[in-house]
């Protein structure tokens, strides 16, 4: 290795010797960004795999009004996600998932307001907006739990499929969906639905737990004593990431 030599009269080059804020970001905030980038790769891989599987099956070629569920082609999202709580029997395509999306995006807005209040050292406002964010997260999770329950239970009439069991072709009525059978279409459709929305739901639940922790620490005055509300901003980055990922999940699963 060549040695660095400083000649008389020369100026020693300035080199970064480490520090607590590389690129003017605190260590904790930088590590959160690294985590979010790695998580982006995970969700991207899942959505790419879903897209590959989606387009490996043919699409329904008839009129929308004539669509019926079949394991031979990929289902139409508007026919799968048309139920709304307390409105049994009514066909309201994508209305409920649209409400879920609005709730999650609204919780992202309240998180922005909590971060802004933290910059002003306004403890009362941080508490207020963190509570709204927590409420939005729990509401979204409750909506997702209902959607899963309806997806698993299925429709009242079910779907009649021809399947092969033990080498014999059998016609059977399938109700709902699980990791083996799926009344809405190919089994892979239900597999990806459970895995990707469940993986995202786990992130939302983790975010709610972190938000509760931040709210508790704010209420006890910990960040006032520290003189900084940066932890609110760090958790806010995670919450915004969860919201952004849902936009892509919504697009892939419910619109494409």
C-alpha atoms as a PDB file:
ATOM      1  CA  UNK A   1       0.000   0.000   0.000  1.00  0.00           C
ATOM      2  CA  UNK A   2       1.381   3.393  -0.974  1.00  0.00           C
ATOM      3  CA  UNK A   3       2.015   5.791   1.898  1.00  0.00           C
ATOM      4  CA  UNK A   4       0.568   9.289   1.861  1.00  0.00           C
ATOM      5  CA  UNK A   5       3.342  11.839   1.880  1.00  0.00           C
ATOM      6  CA  UNK A   6       2.889  15.480   2.774  1.00  0.00           C
ATOM      7  CA  UNK A   7       5.583  17.759   1.393  1.00  0.00           C
ATOM      8  CA  UNK A   8       6.534  21.020   3.085  1.00  0.00           C
ATOM      9  CA  UNK A   9       4.129  23.784   2.109  1.00  0.00           C
ATOM     10  CA  UNK A  10       1.444  21.414   0.822  1.00  0.00           C
ATOM     11  CA  UNK A  11      -2.096  21.406   2.227  1.00  0.00           C
ATOM     12  CA  UNK A  12      -3.319  18.244   3.901  1.00  0.00           C
ATOM     13  CA  UNK A  13      -6.435  17.029   1.991  1.00  0.00           C
ATOM     14  CA  UNK A  14      -9.625  17.057   4.002  1.00  0.00           C
ATOM     15  CA  UNK A  15     -10.986  13.558   4.546  1.00  0.00           C
ATOM     16  CA  UNK A  16     -14.162  12.421   6.296  1.00  0.00           C
ATOM     17  CA  UNK A  17     -13.065  10.871   9.579  1.00  0.00           C
ATOM     18  CA  UNK A  18     -16.499   9.649  10.625  1.00  0.00           C
ATOM     19  CA  UNK A  19     -19.033  11.457  12.754  1.00  0.00           C
ATOM     20  CA  UNK A  20     -22.529  11.227  14.089  1.00  0.00           C
ATOM     21  CA  UNK A  21     -24.246  12.749  11.032  1.00  0.00           C
ATOM     22  CA  UNK A  22     -22.881  11.503   7.697  1.00  0.00           C
ATOM     23  CA  UNK A  23     -24.760  13.176   4.821  1.00  0.00           C
ATOM     24  CA  UNK A  24     -26.368  15.422   7.474  1.00  0.00           C
ATOM     25  CA  UNK A  25     -28.609  12.566   8.655  1.00  0.00           C
ATOM     26  CA  UNK A  26     -28.453  11.095  12.124  1.00  0.00           C
ATOM     27  CA  UNK A  27     -27.286   7.520  12.538  1.00  0.00           C
ATOM     28  CA  UNK A  28     -30.754   6.289  13.473  1.00  0.00           C
ATOM     29  CA  UNK A  29     -32.427   7.957  10.504  1.00  0.00           C
ATOM     30  CA  UNK A  30     -29.787   6.593   8.140  1.00  0.00           C
ATOM     31  CA  UNK A  31     -30.280   3.059   9.458  1.00  0.00           C
ATOM     32  CA  UNK A  32     -34.045   3.408   8.973  1.00  0.00           C
ATOM     33  CA  UNK A  33     -33.456   4.331   5.340  1.00  0.00           C
ATOM     34  CA  UNK A  34     -31.202   1.283   4.898  1.00  0.00           C
ATOM     35  CA  UNK A  35     -33.912  -0.947   6.369  1.00  0.00           C
ATOM     36  CA  UNK A  36     -36.598   0.557   4.130  1.00  0.00           C
ATOM     37  CA  UNK A  37     -34.460   0.061   1.039  1.00  0.00           C
ATOM     38  CA  UNK A  38     -33.909  -3.608   1.906  1.00  0.00           C
ATOM     39  CA  UNK A  39     -37.637  -4.038   2.555  1.00  0.00           C
ATOM     40  CA  UNK A  40     -38.341  -2.435  -0.820  1.00  0.00           C
ATOM     41  CA  UNK A  41     -36.418  -5.258  -2.490  1.00  0.00           C
ATOM     42  CA  UNK A  42     -38.526  -7.838  -0.625  1.00  0.00           C
ATOM     43  CA  UNK A  43     -41.859  -6.330  -1.643  1.00  0.00           C
ATOM     44  CA  UNK A  44     -40.597  -5.765  -5.185  1.00  0.00           C
ATOM     45  CA  UNK A  45     -39.647  -9.442  -5.501  1.00  0.00           C
ATOM     46  CA  UNK A  46     -43.084 -10.518  -4.250  1.00  0.00           C
ATOM     47  CA  UNK A  47     -44.917  -8.219  -6.658  1.00  0.00           C
ATOM     48  CA  UNK A  48     -42.726  -9.264  -9.596  1.00  0.00           C
ATOM     49  CA  UNK A  49     -43.431 -12.917  -8.769  1.00  0.00           C
ATOM     50  CA  UNK A  50     -47.143 -12.112  -8.623  1.00  0.00           C
ATOM     51  CA  UNK A  51     -46.972 -10.350 -11.983  1.00  0.00           C
ATOM     52  CA  UNK A  52     -45.171 -13.297 -13.561  1.00  0.00           C
ATOM     53  CA  UNK A  53     -47.764 -15.737 -12.227  1.00  0.00           C
ATOM     54  CA  UNK A  54     -50.625 -13.427 -13.177  1.00  0.00           C
ATOM     55  CA  UNK A  55     -49.615 -13.238 -16.824  1.00  0.00           C
ATOM     56  CA  UNK A  56     -48.816 -16.939 -17.060  1.00  0.00           C
ATOM     57  CA  UNK A  57     -52.591 -17.534 -16.899  1.00  0.00           C
ATOM     58  CA  UNK A  58     -55.000 -16.424 -19.642  1.00  0.00           C
ATOM     59  CA  UNK A  59     -57.466 -13.641 -18.920  1.00  0.00           C
ATOM     60  CA  UNK A  60     -61.236 -13.997 -19.251  1.00  0.00           C
ATOM     61  CA  UNK A  61     -62.075 -13.229 -22.891  1.00  0.00           C
ATOM     62  CA  UNK A  62     -65.850 -12.775 -22.690  1.00  0.00           C
ATOM     63  CA  UNK A  63     -68.073  -9.890 -21.672  1.00  0.00           C
ATOM     64  CA  UNK A  64     -67.794  -8.624 -18.109  1.00  0.00           C
ATOM     65  CA  UNK A  65     -71.447  -9.461 -17.430  1.00  0.00           C
ATOM     66  CA  UNK A  66     -70.863 -13.096 -18.446  1.00  0.00           C
ATOM     67  CA  UNK A  67     -67.867 -13.648 -16.169  1.00  0.00           C
ATOM     68  CA  UNK A  68     -67.873 -16.702 -13.919  1.00  0.00           C
ATOM     69  CA  UNK A  69     -65.115 -17.927 -11.638  1.00  0.00           C
ATOM     70  CA  UNK A  70     -62.908 -20.653 -13.067  1.00  0.00           C
ATOM     71  CA  UNK A  71     -59.561 -22.227 -12.247  1.00  0.00           C
ATOM     72  CA  UNK A  72     -58.631 -22.033 -15.931  1.00  0.00           C
ATOM     73  CA  UNK A  73     -58.152 -18.252 -16.088  1.00  0.00           C
ATOM     74  CA  UNK A  74     -57.254 -15.369 -13.761  1.00  0.00           C
ATOM     75  CA  UNK A  75     -60.244 -13.757 -12.017  1.00  0.00           C
ATOM     76  CA  UNK A  76     -61.454 -10.214 -12.625  1.00  0.00           C
ATOM     77  CA  UNK A  77     -60.729  -8.158  -9.450  1.00  0.00           C
ATOM     78  CA  UNK A  78     -64.053  -6.319  -9.605  1.00  0.00           C
ATOM     79  CA  UNK A  79     -65.840  -9.658  -9.271  1.00  0.00           C
ATOM     80  CA  UNK A  80     -63.691 -10.870  -6.371  1.00  0.00           C
ATOM     81  CA  UNK A  81     -63.628  -7.717  -4.224  1.00  0.00           C
ATOM     82  CA  UNK A  82     -67.227  -6.537  -4.447  1.00  0.00           C
ATOM     83  CA  UNK A  83     -68.482  -7.137  -0.903  1.00  0.00           C
ATOM     84  CA  UNK A  84     -68.950  -4.461   1.773  1.00  0.00           C
ATOM     85  CA  UNK A  85     -69.698  -5.064   5.480  1.00  0.00           C
ATOM     86  CA  UNK A  86     -73.389  -4.846   6.454  1.00  0.00           C
ATOM     87  CA  UNK A  87     -74.421  -4.751   2.773  1.00  0.00           C
ATOM     88  CA  UNK A  88     -74.733  -8.473   2.160  1.00  0.00           C
ATOM     89  CA  UNK A  89     -75.752  -9.417  -1.349  1.00  0.00           C
ATOM     90  CA  UNK A  90     -74.935  -6.045  -2.905  1.00  0.00           C
ATOM     91  CA  UNK A  91     -72.256  -5.841  -5.597  1.00  0.00           C
ATOM     92  CA  UNK A  92     -70.037  -2.817  -4.917  1.00  0.00           C
ATOM     93  CA  UNK A  93     -66.768  -3.504  -6.782  1.00  0.00           C
ATOM     94  CA  UNK A  94     -63.632  -2.189  -5.057  1.00  0.00           C
ATOM     95  CA  UNK A  95     -65.620   0.146  -2.780  1.00  0.00           C
ATOM     96  CA  UNK A  96     -64.450  -1.441   0.465  1.00  0.00           C
ATOM     97  CA  UNK A  97     -60.789  -1.648  -0.538  1.00  0.00           C
ATOM     98  CA  UNK A  98     -61.055   1.976  -1.678  1.00  0.00           C
ATOM     99  CA  UNK A  99     -62.213   2.906   1.828  1.00  0.00           C
ATOM    100  CA  UNK A 100     -59.296   0.937   3.295  1.00  0.00           C
ATOM    101  CA  UNK A 101     -56.862   2.812   1.049  1.00  0.00           C
ATOM    102  CA  UNK A 102     -58.319   6.185   2.032  1.00  0.00           C
ATOM    103  CA  UNK A 103     -57.990   5.321   5.744  1.00  0.00           C
ATOM    104  CA  UNK A 104     -54.332   4.356   5.379  1.00  0.00           C
ATOM    105  CA  UNK A 105     -53.454   7.452   3.331  1.00  0.00           C
ATOM    106  CA  UNK A 106     -55.292   9.654   5.854  1.00  0.00           C
ATOM    107  CA  UNK A 107     -53.194   8.104   8.640  1.00  0.00           C
ATOM    108  CA  UNK A 108     -50.104   9.081   6.684  1.00  0.00           C
ATOM    109  CA  UNK A 109     -51.315  12.694   6.681  1.00  0.00           C
ATOM    110  CA  UNK A 110     -51.782  12.669  10.463  1.00  0.00           C
ATOM    111  CA  UNK A 111     -48.262  11.245  10.802  1.00  0.00           C
ATOM    112  CA  UNK A 112     -46.905  14.179   8.762  1.00  0.00           C
ATOM    113  CA  UNK A 113     -48.692  16.544  11.147  1.00  0.00           C
ATOM    114  CA  UNK A 114     -47.205  14.709  14.144  1.00  0.00           C
ATOM    115  CA  UNK A 115     -43.685  15.060  12.727  1.00  0.00           C
ATOM    116  CA  UNK A 116     -44.261  18.751  12.008  1.00  0.00           C
ATOM    117  CA  UNK A 117     -45.523  19.269  15.565  1.00  0.00           C
ATOM    118  CA  UNK A 118     -42.400  17.511  16.858  1.00  0.00           C
ATOM    119  CA  UNK A 119     -40.213  20.000  15.001  1.00  0.00           C
ATOM    120  CA  UNK A 120     -42.059  22.752  16.888  1.00  0.00           C
ATOM    121  CA  UNK A 121     -41.658  20.838  20.177  1.00  0.00           C
ATOM    122  CA  UNK A 122     -45.455  20.886  20.501  1.00  0.00           C
ATOM    123  CA  UNK A 123     -46.051  17.891  22.755  1.00  0.00           C
ATOM    124  CA  UNK A 124     -49.851  18.139  22.865  1.00  0.00           C
ATOM    125  CA  UNK A 125     -50.153  18.183  19.067  1.00  0.00           C
ATOM    126  CA  UNK A 126     -47.771  15.239  18.700  1.00  0.00           C
ATOM    127  CA  UNK A 127     -49.922  13.238  21.102  1.00  0.00           C
ATOM    128  CA  UNK A 128     -53.116  14.187  19.243  1.00  0.00           C
ATOM    129  CA  UNK A 129     -51.872  13.317  15.768  1.00  0.00           C
ATOM    130  CA  UNK A 130     -50.149  10.120  16.916  1.00  0.00           C
ATOM    131  CA  UNK A 131     -53.476   8.982  18.403  1.00  0.00           C
ATOM    132  CA  UNK A 132     -55.214   9.629  15.082  1.00  0.00           C
ATOM    133  CA  UNK A 133     -52.466   7.705  13.265  1.00  0.00           C
ATOM    134  CA  UNK A 134     -52.836   4.760  15.660  1.00  0.00           C
ATOM    135  CA  UNK A 135     -56.601   4.805  15.184  1.00  0.00           C
ATOM    136  CA  UNK A 136     -56.156   4.789  11.407  1.00  0.00           C
ATOM    137  CA  UNK A 137     -53.773   1.835  11.615  1.00  0.00           C
ATOM    138  CA  UNK A 138     -56.110  -0.213  13.797  1.00  0.00           C
ATOM    139  CA  UNK A 139     -59.060   0.614  11.531  1.00  0.00           C
ATOM    140  CA  UNK A 140     -57.152  -0.520   8.464  1.00  0.00           C
ATOM    141  CA  UNK A 141     -56.182  -3.776  10.179  1.00  0.00           C
ATOM    142  CA  UNK A 142     -59.787  -4.356  11.196  1.00  0.00           C
ATOM    143  CA  UNK A 143     -60.909  -3.815   7.608  1.00  0.00           C
ATOM    144  CA  UNK A 144     -58.254  -6.207   6.356  1.00  0.00           C
ATOM    145  CA  UNK A 145     -59.334  -8.840   8.888  1.00  0.00           C
ATOM    146  CA  UNK A 146     -62.915  -8.589   7.602  1.00  0.00           C
ATOM    147  CA  UNK A 147     -61.725  -8.830   3.999  1.00  0.00           C
ATOM    148  CA  UNK A 148     -59.697 -11.948   4.797  1.00  0.00           C
ATOM    149  CA  UNK A 149     -62.656 -13.521   6.602  1.00  0.00           C
ATOM    150  CA  UNK A 150     -64.947 -12.870   3.635  1.00  0.00           C
ATOM    151  CA  UNK A 151     -62.315 -14.099   1.171  1.00  0.00           C
ATOM    152  CA  UNK A 152     -61.876 -17.334   3.156  1.00  0.00           C
ATOM    153  CA  UNK A 153     -65.623 -17.868   3.635  1.00  0.00           C
ATOM    154  CA  UNK A 154     -66.496 -17.173  -0.005  1.00  0.00           C
ATOM    155  CA  UNK A 155     -69.841 -16.525  -1.646  1.00  0.00           C
ATOM    156  CA  UNK A 156     -73.104 -18.249  -0.744  1.00  0.00           C
ATOM    157  CA  UNK A 157     -73.237 -20.266  -3.975  1.00  0.00           C
ATOM    158  CA  UNK A 158     -69.552 -21.137  -4.300  1.00  0.00           C
ATOM    159  CA  UNK A 159     -67.981 -22.100  -7.630  1.00  0.00           C
ATOM    160  CA  UNK A 160     -68.209 -25.400  -9.502  1.00  0.00           C
ATOM    161  CA  UNK A 161     -64.772 -26.567 -10.654  1.00  0.00           C
ATOM    162  CA  UNK A 162     -63.484 -29.678 -12.334  1.00  0.00           C
ATOM    163  CA  UNK A 163     -60.396 -30.870 -10.484  1.00  0.00           C
ATOM    164  CA  UNK A 164     -58.188 -33.953 -10.483  1.00  0.00           C
ATOM    165  CA  UNK A 165     -58.045 -35.849  -7.195  1.00  0.00           C
ATOM    166  CA  UNK A 166     -55.926 -39.005  -6.959  1.00  0.00           C
ATOM    167  CA  UNK A 167     -55.749 -39.187 -10.736  1.00  0.00           C
ATOM    168  CA  UNK A 168     -59.522 -38.987 -11.165  1.00  0.00           C
ATOM    169  CA  UNK A 169     -61.386 -36.012 -12.681  1.00  0.00           C
ATOM    170  CA  UNK A 170     -63.972 -34.783 -10.163  1.00  0.00           C
ATOM    171  CA  UNK A 171     -66.555 -32.001 -10.339  1.00  0.00           C
ATOM    172  CA  UNK A 172     -66.987 -30.256  -6.992  1.00  0.00           C
ATOM    173  CA  UNK A 173     -68.307 -27.036  -5.503  1.00  0.00           C
ATOM    174  CA  UNK A 174     -65.636 -24.922  -3.850  1.00  0.00           C
ATOM    175  CA  UNK A 175     -66.523 -22.336  -1.207  1.00  0.00           C
ATOM    176  CA  UNK A 176     -64.066 -19.591  -0.334  1.00  0.00           C
ATOM    177  CA  UNK A 177     -60.301 -19.778  -0.573  1.00  0.00           C
ATOM    178  CA  UNK A 178     -57.353 -21.266   1.262  1.00  0.00           C
ATOM    179  CA  UNK A 179     -53.829 -22.313   0.312  1.00  0.00           C
ATOM    180  CA  UNK A 180     -55.141 -25.425  -1.483  1.00  0.00           C
ATOM    181  CA  UNK A 181     -58.500 -24.497  -3.009  1.00  0.00           C
ATOM    182  CA  UNK A 182     -59.804 -21.215  -4.335  1.00  0.00           C
ATOM    183  CA  UNK A 183     -63.338 -20.569  -5.553  1.00  0.00           C
ATOM    184  CA  UNK A 184     -62.258 -17.365  -7.284  1.00  0.00           C
ATOM    185  CA  UNK A 185     -59.761 -18.896  -9.706  1.00  0.00           C
ATOM    186  CA  UNK A 186     -56.356 -20.592  -9.786  1.00  0.00           C
ATOM    187  CA  UNK A 187     -54.912 -21.588  -6.401  1.00  0.00           C
ATOM    188  CA  UNK A 188     -51.919 -19.290  -7.000  1.00  0.00           C
ATOM    189  CA  UNK A 189     -54.244 -16.272  -6.893  1.00  0.00           C
ATOM    190  CA  UNK A 190     -55.254 -17.011  -3.285  1.00  0.00           C
ATOM    191  CA  UNK A 191     -51.686 -17.947  -2.304  1.00  0.00           C
ATOM    192  CA  UNK A 192     -50.320 -14.584  -3.414  1.00  0.00           C
ATOM    193  CA  UNK A 193     -53.262 -12.727  -1.891  1.00  0.00           C
ATOM    194  CA  UNK A 194     -52.712 -14.243   1.535  1.00  0.00           C
ATOM    195  CA  UNK A 195     -48.930 -13.900   1.446  1.00  0.00           C
ATOM    196  CA  UNK A 196     -48.554 -10.376   0.078  1.00  0.00           C
ATOM    197  CA  UNK A 197     -51.475  -8.716   1.872  1.00  0.00           C
ATOM    198  CA  UNK A 198     -50.579 -10.657   5.025  1.00  0.00           C
ATOM    199  CA  UNK A 199     -46.943  -9.561   4.781  1.00  0.00           C
ATOM    200  CA  UNK A 200     -48.050  -5.960   4.349  1.00  0.00           C
ATOM    201  CA  UNK A 201     -50.553  -6.306   7.199  1.00  0.00           C
ATOM    202  CA  UNK A 202     -47.731  -7.514   9.445  1.00  0.00           C
ATOM    203  CA  UNK A 203     -45.841  -4.336   8.605  1.00  0.00           C
ATOM    204  CA  UNK A 204     -48.892  -2.224   9.426  1.00  0.00           C
ATOM    205  CA  UNK A 205     -49.295  -4.002  12.774  1.00  0.00           C
ATOM    206  CA  UNK A 206     -45.588  -3.448  13.551  1.00  0.00           C
ATOM    207  CA  UNK A 207     -46.025   0.214  12.667  1.00  0.00           C
ATOM    208  CA  UNK A 208     -49.021   0.539  14.994  1.00  0.00           C
ATOM    209  CA  UNK A 209     -47.001  -0.999  17.840  1.00  0.00           C
ATOM    210  CA  UNK A 210     -44.166   1.480  17.187  1.00  0.00           C
ATOM    211  CA  UNK A 211     -46.652   4.359  17.050  1.00  0.00           C
ATOM    212  CA  UNK A 212     -48.097   3.329  20.411  1.00  0.00           C
ATOM    213  CA  UNK A 213     -44.585   3.276  21.875  1.00  0.00           C
ATOM    214  CA  UNK A 214     -43.852   6.737  20.479  1.00  0.00           C
ATOM    215  CA  UNK A 215     -47.153   8.051  21.842  1.00  0.00           C
ATOM    216  CA  UNK A 216     -46.381   6.658  25.309  1.00  0.00           C
ATOM    217  CA  UNK A 217     -42.902   8.185  25.325  1.00  0.00           C
ATOM    218  CA  UNK A 218     -44.315  11.512  24.153  1.00  0.00           C
ATOM    219  CA  UNK A 219     -47.010  11.478  26.835  1.00  0.00           C
ATOM    220  CA  UNK A 220     -44.426  10.799  29.549  1.00  0.00           C
ATOM    221  CA  UNK A 221     -42.318  13.758  28.375  1.00  0.00           C
ATOM    222  CA  UNK A 222     -39.278  11.710  27.334  1.00  0.00           C
ATOM    223  CA  UNK A 223     -38.680  13.648  24.120  1.00  0.00           C
ATOM    224  CA  UNK A 224     -39.111  16.991  25.859  1.00  0.00           C
ATOM    225  CA  UNK A 225     -36.351  15.967  28.273  1.00  0.00           C
ATOM    226  CA  UNK A 226     -34.177  14.876  25.346  1.00  0.00           C
ATOM    227  CA  UNK A 227     -34.874  18.138  23.541  1.00  0.00           C
ATOM    228  CA  UNK A 228     -35.689  16.342  20.288  1.00  0.00           C
ATOM    229  CA  UNK A 229     -38.640  14.560  18.687  1.00  0.00           C
ATOM    230  CA  UNK A 230     -36.530  12.859  16.033  1.00  0.00           C
ATOM    231  CA  UNK A 231     -37.903   9.415  17.000  1.00  0.00           C
ATOM    232  CA  UNK A 232     -41.295  10.558  15.731  1.00  0.00           C
ATOM    233  CA  UNK A 233     -39.690  11.325  12.380  1.00  0.00           C
ATOM    234  CA  UNK A 234     -37.917   7.946  12.228  1.00  0.00           C
ATOM    235  CA  UNK A 235     -41.120   6.009  12.870  1.00  0.00           C
ATOM    236  CA  UNK A 236     -42.864   8.354  10.439  1.00  0.00           C
ATOM    237  CA  UNK A 237     -40.512   7.217   7.682  1.00  0.00           C
ATOM    238  CA  UNK A 238     -41.535   3.622   8.329  1.00  0.00           C
ATOM    239  CA  UNK A 239     -45.241   4.495   8.370  1.00  0.00           C
ATOM    240  CA  UNK A 240     -45.016   6.401   5.076  1.00  0.00           C
ATOM    241  CA  UNK A 241     -43.199   3.426   3.550  1.00  0.00           C
ATOM    242  CA  UNK A 242     -46.004   1.080   4.631  1.00  0.00           C
ATOM    243  CA  UNK A 243     -48.547   3.426   3.039  1.00  0.00           C
ATOM    244  CA  UNK A 244     -46.555   3.677  -0.179  1.00  0.00           C
ATOM    245  CA  UNK A 245     -46.226  -0.099  -0.452  1.00  0.00           C
ATOM    246  CA  UNK A 246     -49.989  -0.439  -0.100  1.00  0.00           C
ATOM    247  CA  UNK A 247     -50.441   1.794  -3.168  1.00  0.00           C
ATOM    248  CA  UNK A 248     -48.479  -0.752  -5.211  1.00  0.00           C
ATOM    249  CA  UNK A 249     -50.273  -3.726  -3.635  1.00  0.00           C
ATOM    250  CA  UNK A 250     -53.609  -2.017  -4.355  1.00  0.00           C
ATOM    251  CA  UNK A 251     -52.591  -1.418  -7.960  1.00  0.00           C
ATOM    252  CA  UNK A 252     -51.342  -4.960  -8.616  1.00  0.00           C
ATOM    253  CA  UNK A 253     -54.054  -6.903  -6.800  1.00  0.00           C
ATOM    254  CA  UNK A 254     -57.172  -4.797  -7.136  1.00  0.00           C
ATOM    255  CA  UNK A 255     -56.746  -2.850 -10.361  1.00  0.00           C
ATOM    256  CA  UNK A 256     -54.635  -4.939 -12.772  1.00  0.00           C
END
